[in-house]
Amino acid sequence: MFGELWRRSLQVRVVISTLALSTAVVFVLGMVLQNEIIARLVAAKQQAAIAQTGVAQRTVQTELRGVDASADNLPATLSGALASLTTASATAGPGIQPQVSPAAGAFIPVLVQSSPCETWV
């Protein structure tokens, strides 16, 4: 029945062909837009993460400037640096604008030591 209607009616062929082509175009454009949006979101998150990492690095460098690695109070100093890093990322303080936007998401600050030494908490 449909085959006969398809062969006899130019109007049915035009309508169905138009619907099929428009559906294909909408699908392709949707996929292109989705890929573009994903790429831009990932790029924005990467830039925000890099900016947050830079701020965290400067904060820790300021905290640990001039610290003797062989000192007995090194674990306490590192804990203090980690606490200031956590505090700096959580709040900017009254009247101070945050240096980076929260667009990168939430990060948990961690200090990694490059050489093995005593375990500290």
C-alpha atoms as a PDB file:
ATOM      1  CA  MET A   1       0.000   0.000   0.000  1.00  0.00           C
ATOM      2  CA  PHE A   2       2.735   2.470   0.928  1.00  0.00           C
ATOM      3  CA  GLY A   3       4.765   1.543  -2.173  1.00  0.00           C
ATOM      4  CA  GLU A   4       1.817   2.248  -4.390  1.00  0.00           C
ATOM      5  CA  LEU A   5       1.147   5.570  -2.644  1.00  0.00           C
ATOM      6  CA  TRP A   6       4.837   6.460  -2.991  1.00  0.00           C
ATOM      7  CA  ARG A   7       4.806   5.762  -6.732  1.00  0.00           C
ATOM      8  CA  ARG A   8       1.567   7.622  -7.452  1.00  0.00           C
ATOM      9  CA  SER A   9       1.789  10.722  -5.264  1.00  0.00           C
ATOM     10  CA  LEU A  10       4.410  13.372  -5.868  1.00  0.00           C
ATOM     11  CA  GLN A  11       3.184  15.216  -2.772  1.00  0.00           C
ATOM     12  CA  VAL A  12       3.902  12.227  -0.479  1.00  0.00           C
ATOM     13  CA  ARG A  13       7.382  11.809  -1.950  1.00  0.00           C
ATOM     14  CA  VAL A  14       8.206  15.518  -1.482  1.00  0.00           C
ATOM     15  CA  VAL A  15       6.883  15.622   2.095  1.00  0.00           C
ATOM     16  CA  ILE A  16       8.642  12.442   3.203  1.00  0.00           C
ATOM     17  CA  SER A  17      11.899  13.391   1.454  1.00  0.00           C
ATOM     18  CA  THR A  18      11.803  16.849   3.017  1.00  0.00           C
ATOM     19  CA  LEU A  19      11.183  15.385   6.476  1.00  0.00           C
ATOM     20  CA  ALA A  20      13.998  12.864   6.061  1.00  0.00           C
ATOM     21  CA  LEU A  21      16.492  15.459   4.841  1.00  0.00           C
ATOM     22  CA  SER A  22      15.561  17.989   7.508  1.00  0.00           C
ATOM     23  CA  THR A  23      15.877  15.300  10.201  1.00  0.00           C
ATOM     24  CA  ALA A  24      19.341  14.397   8.900  1.00  0.00           C
ATOM     25  CA  VAL A  25      20.410  18.066   8.841  1.00  0.00           C
ATOM     26  CA  VAL A  26      19.140  18.655  12.384  1.00  0.00           C
ATOM     27  CA  PHE A  27      20.942  15.528  13.601  1.00  0.00           C
ATOM     28  CA  VAL A  28      24.256  16.513  11.960  1.00  0.00           C
ATOM     29  CA  LEU A  29      24.055  20.097  13.210  1.00  0.00           C
ATOM     30  CA  GLY A  30      23.201  18.850  16.695  1.00  0.00           C
ATOM     31  CA  MET A  31      26.259  16.602  16.736  1.00  0.00           C
ATOM     32  CA  VAL A  32      28.524  19.413  15.489  1.00  0.00           C
ATOM     33  CA  LEU A  33      27.151  21.798  18.111  1.00  0.00           C
ATOM     34  CA  GLN A  34      27.531  19.201  20.848  1.00  0.00           C
ATOM     35  CA  ASN A  35      31.164  18.576  19.932  1.00  0.00           C
ATOM     36  CA  GLU A  36      31.908  22.308  19.797  1.00  0.00           C
ATOM     37  CA  ILE A  37      30.285  22.955  23.170  1.00  0.00           C
ATOM     38  CA  ILE A  38      32.162  20.059  24.765  1.00  0.00           C
ATOM     39  CA  ALA A  39      35.477  21.267  23.339  1.00  0.00           C
ATOM     40  CA  ARG A  40      34.950  24.805  24.633  1.00  0.00           C
ATOM     41  CA  LEU A  41      33.843  23.621  28.078  1.00  0.00           C
ATOM     42  CA  VAL A  42      36.898  21.387  28.399  1.00  0.00           C
ATOM     43  CA  ALA A  43      39.191  24.219  27.282  1.00  0.00           C
ATOM     44  CA  ALA A  44      37.612  26.616  29.806  1.00  0.00           C
ATOM     45  CA  LYS A  45      37.963  24.061  32.612  1.00  0.00           C
ATOM     46  CA  GLN A  46      41.599  23.439  31.681  1.00  0.00           C
ATOM     47  CA  GLN A  47      42.379  27.163  31.721  1.00  0.00           C
ATOM     48  CA  ALA A  48      40.637  27.599  35.080  1.00  0.00           C
ATOM     49  CA  ALA A  49      42.475  24.580  36.529  1.00  0.00           C
ATOM     50  CA  ILE A  50      45.815  25.947  35.328  1.00  0.00           C
ATOM     51  CA  ALA A  51      45.010  29.324  36.871  1.00  0.00           C
ATOM     52  CA  GLN A  52      44.015  27.704  40.185  1.00  0.00           C
ATOM     53  CA  THR A  53      47.196  25.646  40.170  1.00  0.00           C
ATOM     54  CA  GLY A  54      49.263  28.799  39.633  1.00  0.00           C
ATOM     55  CA  VAL A  55      47.578  30.537  42.555  1.00  0.00           C
ATOM     56  CA  ALA A  56      48.125  27.480  44.757  1.00  0.00           C
ATOM     57  CA  GLN A  57      51.770  27.271  43.723  1.00  0.00           C
ATOM     58  CA  ARG A  58      52.384  30.938  44.583  1.00  0.00           C
ATOM     59  CA  THR A  59      50.640  30.484  47.937  1.00  0.00           C
ATOM     60  CA  VAL A  60      52.793  27.489  48.871  1.00  0.00           C
ATOM     61  CA  GLN A  61      55.971  29.150  47.621  1.00  0.00           C
ATOM     62  CA  THR A  62      55.249  32.138  49.837  1.00  0.00           C
ATOM     63  CA  GLU A  63      54.594  29.858  52.835  1.00  0.00           C
ATOM     64  CA  LEU A  64      57.693  27.727  52.338  1.00  0.00           C
ATOM     65  CA  ARG A  65      60.144  30.454  51.372  1.00  0.00           C
ATOM     66  CA  GLY A  66      63.345  30.080  53.386  1.00  0.00           C
ATOM     67  CA  VAL A  67      62.321  26.869  55.157  1.00  0.00           C
ATOM     68  CA  ASP A  68      65.141  24.483  56.053  1.00  0.00           C
ATOM     69  CA  ALA A  69      64.316  20.965  54.834  1.00  0.00           C
ATOM     70  CA  SER A  70      66.355  19.376  57.609  1.00  0.00           C
ATOM     71  CA  ALA A  71      64.643  21.298  60.417  1.00  0.00           C
ATOM     72  CA  ASP A  72      62.668  19.456  63.074  1.00  0.00           C
ATOM     73  CA  ASN A  73      59.602  21.619  62.532  1.00  0.00           C
ATOM     74  CA  LEU A  74      59.285  20.705  58.824  1.00  0.00           C
ATOM     75  CA  PRO A  75      56.089  18.614  59.279  1.00  0.00           C
ATOM     76  CA  ALA A  76      54.447  21.488  61.165  1.00  0.00           C
ATOM     77  CA  THR A  77      55.568  23.964  58.494  1.00  0.00           C
ATOM     78  CA  LEU A  78      54.216  21.754  55.706  1.00  0.00           C
ATOM     79  CA  SER A  79      50.937  21.287  57.576  1.00  0.00           C
ATOM     80  CA  GLY A  80      50.705  25.065  57.967  1.00  0.00           C
ATOM     81  CA  ALA A  81      51.359  25.547  54.255  1.00  0.00           C
ATOM     82  CA  LEU A  82      48.673  23.014  53.410  1.00  0.00           C
ATOM     83  CA  ALA A  83      46.252  24.739  55.807  1.00  0.00           C
ATOM     84  CA  SER A  84      46.939  28.141  54.236  1.00  0.00           C
ATOM     85  CA  LEU A  85      46.487  26.629  50.794  1.00  0.00           C
ATOM     86  CA  THR A  86      43.125  25.171  51.820  1.00  0.00           C
ATOM     87  CA  THR A  87      42.085  28.460  53.434  1.00  0.00           C
ATOM     88  CA  ALA A  88      43.215  30.504  50.435  1.00  0.00           C
ATOM     89  CA  SER A  89      41.227  28.347  48.042  1.00  0.00           C
ATOM     90  CA  ALA A  90      38.116  28.304  50.241  1.00  0.00           C
ATOM     91  CA  THR A  91      37.760  32.024  50.931  1.00  0.00           C
ATOM     92  CA  ALA A  92      39.283  35.143  49.516  1.00  0.00           C
ATOM     93  CA  GLY A  93      38.648  37.238  52.609  1.00  0.00           C
ATOM     94  CA  PRO A  94      36.547  40.357  53.080  1.00  0.00           C
ATOM     95  CA  GLY A  95      37.000  42.949  50.367  1.00  0.00           C
ATOM     96  CA  ILE A  96      39.340  40.737  48.352  1.00  0.00           C
ATOM     97  CA  GLN A  97      38.297  39.492  44.962  1.00  0.00           C
ATOM     98  CA  PRO A  98      39.004  35.828  44.283  1.00  0.00           C
ATOM     99  CA  GLN A  99      41.968  35.445  41.950  1.00  0.00           C
ATOM    100  CA  VAL A 100      40.399  32.671  39.900  1.00  0.00           C
ATOM    101  CA  SER A 101      36.883  31.683  39.068  1.00  0.00           C
ATOM    102  CA  PRO A 102      35.419  28.429  40.384  1.00  0.00           C
ATOM    103  CA  ALA A 103      34.863  27.301  36.804  1.00  0.00           C
ATOM    104  CA  ALA A 104      37.394  24.496  37.126  1.00  0.00           C
ATOM    105  CA  GLY A 105      35.456  22.799  39.899  1.00  0.00           C
ATOM    106  CA  ALA A 106      36.568  21.773  43.360  1.00  0.00           C
ATOM    107  CA  PHE A 107      40.103  20.615  44.012  1.00  0.00           C
ATOM    108  CA  ILE A 108      41.613  19.141  47.149  1.00  0.00           C
ATOM    109  CA  PRO A 109      45.061  20.646  47.767  1.00  0.00           C
ATOM    110  CA  VAL A 110      47.859  18.118  48.247  1.00  0.00           C
ATOM    111  CA  LEU A 111      51.551  18.683  48.921  1.00  0.00           C
ATOM    112  CA  VAL A 112      53.838  16.093  47.346  1.00  0.00           C
ATOM    113  CA  GLN A 113      57.399  15.685  48.507  1.00  0.00           C
ATOM    114  CA  SER A 114      60.048  14.965  45.911  1.00  0.00           C
ATOM    115  CA  SER A 115      62.446  13.082  48.196  1.00  0.00           C
ATOM    116  CA  PRO A 116      61.528  10.425  50.759  1.00  0.00           C
ATOM    117  CA  CYS A 117      61.672  11.600  54.352  1.00  0.00           C
ATOM    118  CA  GLU A 118      59.710  11.006  57.541  1.00  0.00           C
ATOM    119  CA  THR A 119      55.981  10.551  57.177  1.00  0.00           C
ATOM    120  CA  TRP A 120      53.966  13.462  58.520  1.00  0.00           C
ATOM    121  CA  VAL A 121      50.332  14.281  58.886  1.00  0.00           C
END
